[in-house]
Amino acid sequence: MGDTWITDIRHYLDENEDLIQEPGPARRLAEHLCSIIETVTARSHDKVDLGTKVRCRRRPHSRRCEGNIVASFDDVNPSTIIWRCPLCEDNGYIIGWQDTLWNRSNS
């Protein structure tokens, strides 16, 4: 069973709105979440295929999960991105992404 991550991406930004510089797990998690934001916001809102090329970061039983993240805007609240790994069930919600460098919907 995967974990559920409720994330406000702004908590991973510094005062200049750049990604935090902390090394290790916090930085890798932030990079993973930003990849999901980029992928979801870069595609059309009416896209039927919700698959991404973002690899799952979870390591069940000390082995890297082979799944790719499935992600979209939440139907009820489009300012929330929902994501999950169909293999290990890791999943989450991302808010606060609208005014970040990773939002591709304004490009």
Protein backbone atom coordinates (compact mmCIF):
# COMPACT_ATOMS: atom_id res chain seq x y z
CA MET A 1 0.00 0.00 0.00
CA GLY A 2 1.37 3.39 -1.00
CA ASP A 3 1.51 6.61 0.95
CA THR A 4 -0.76 9.61 0.41
CA TRP A 5 1.07 12.93 0.02
CA ILE A 6 -0.91 16.13 0.64
CA THR A 7 1.47 18.80 -0.64
CA ASP A 8 1.52 22.55 -0.96
CA ILE A 9 4.45 22.94 -3.36
CA ARG A 10 5.14 26.42 -1.99
CA HIS A 11 6.56 24.73 1.14
CA TYR A 12 9.41 23.49 -1.08
CA LEU A 13 10.30 26.93 -2.43
CA ASP A 14 12.76 29.46 -1.07
CA GLU A 15 12.21 33.21 -0.72
CA ASN A 16 12.99 33.68 -4.46
CA GLU A 17 10.39 31.05 -5.40
CA ASP A 18 13.13 28.66 -6.54
CA LEU A 19 13.27 25.04 -5.44
CA ILE A 20 14.81 24.57 -2.01
CA GLN A 21 18.53 23.78 -1.95
CA GLU A 22 18.38 21.25 0.87
CA PRO A 23 20.13 18.04 -0.16
CA GLY A 24 18.73 14.56 -0.01
CA PRO A 25 15.16 13.35 0.38
CA ALA A 26 13.42 16.75 0.63
CA ARG A 27 15.01 18.00 -2.59
CA ARG A 28 14.30 14.74 -4.47
CA LEU A 29 10.66 14.77 -3.35
CA ALA A 30 10.31 18.40 -4.45
CA GLU A 31 11.83 17.60 -7.87
CA HIS A 32 9.44 14.66 -8.26
CA LEU A 33 6.40 16.81 -7.45
CA CYS A 34 7.57 19.57 -9.81
CA SER A 35 7.87 17.00 -12.61
CA ILE A 36 4.26 16.02 -12.03
CA ILE A 37 3.17 19.69 -12.08
CA GLU A 38 5.04 20.31 -15.36
CA THR A 39 3.54 17.26 -17.03
CA VAL A 40 -0.06 17.92 -16.02
CA THR A 41 -0.03 21.65 -16.74
CA ALA A 42 1.68 21.23 -20.13
CA ARG A 43 -1.08 19.10 -21.63
CA SER A 44 -4.59 19.92 -22.71
CA HIS A 45 -7.25 19.99 -19.98
CA ASP A 46 -9.41 17.61 -22.01
CA LYS A 47 -6.72 14.97 -22.51
CA VAL A 48 -8.17 11.52 -21.92
CA ASP A 49 -4.87 9.67 -21.32
CA LEU A 50 -3.73 10.60 -17.82
CA GLY A 51 -0.44 8.71 -17.99
CA THR A 52 2.87 10.51 -17.60
CA LYS A 53 6.49 9.68 -18.18
CA VAL A 54 7.22 10.55 -14.55
CA ARG A 55 8.57 7.44 -12.83
CA CYS A 56 7.32 6.48 -9.41
CA ARG A 57 9.84 7.30 -6.68
CA ARG A 58 8.67 4.73 -4.14
CA ARG A 59 10.87 1.79 -3.19
CA PRO A 60 8.67 -0.99 -1.79
CA HIS A 61 10.78 -3.80 -0.30
CA SER A 62 13.93 -1.80 -1.16
CA ARG A 63 13.24 -2.15 -4.89
CA ARG A 64 12.35 0.75 -7.15
CA CYS A 65 8.73 0.69 -8.23
CA GLU A 66 8.43 0.22 -12.00
CA GLY A 67 5.26 2.31 -12.32
CA ASN A 68 4.71 5.62 -14.05
CA ILE A 69 2.60 8.29 -12.39
CA VAL A 70 -0.97 8.90 -13.58
CA ALA A 71 -2.02 12.50 -12.91
CA SER A 72 -4.66 15.11 -13.70
CA PHE A 73 -6.46 18.15 -12.40
CA ASP A 74 -9.07 17.29 -9.79
CA ASP A 75 -12.57 17.31 -11.31
CA VAL A 76 -14.08 19.02 -8.27
CA ASN A 77 -11.25 21.48 -7.63
CA PRO A 78 -9.13 22.15 -10.77
CA SER A 79 -6.57 24.06 -8.69
CA THR A 80 -5.55 20.70 -7.22
CA ILE A 81 -3.44 18.17 -9.09
CA ILE A 82 -4.12 14.56 -8.15
CA TRP A 83 -1.62 11.82 -8.88
CA ARG A 84 -1.05 8.13 -8.20
CA CYS A 85 1.10 5.19 -9.16
CA PRO A 86 -1.09 2.36 -10.48
CA LEU A 87 1.43 -0.28 -9.38
CA CYS A 88 2.34 0.57 -5.77
CA GLU A 89 -0.61 2.91 -5.06
CA ASP A 90 1.56 5.82 -3.90
CA ASN A 91 -0.63 8.88 -4.44
CA GLY A 92 -1.21 12.48 -3.55
CA TYR A 93 -2.56 15.95 -4.08
CA ILE A 94 -0.58 19.04 -5.03
CA ILE A 95 -1.79 22.59 -4.41
CA GLY A 96 -0.10 25.97 -4.70
CA TRP A 97 1.42 25.24 -8.12
CA GLN A 98 -0.27 28.03 -10.11
CA ASP A 99 2.37 30.77 -9.68
CA THR A 100 5.43 28.50 -9.85
CA LEU A 101 8.07 28.03 -12.52
CA TRP A 102 6.69 24.54 -13.19
CA ASN A 103 3.24 25.68 -14.28
CA ARG A 104 3.27 25.22 -18.07
CA SER A 105 -0.38 26.19 -18.61
CA ASN A 106 0.55 29.87 -18.89
CA SER A 107 3.35 29.30 -21.39
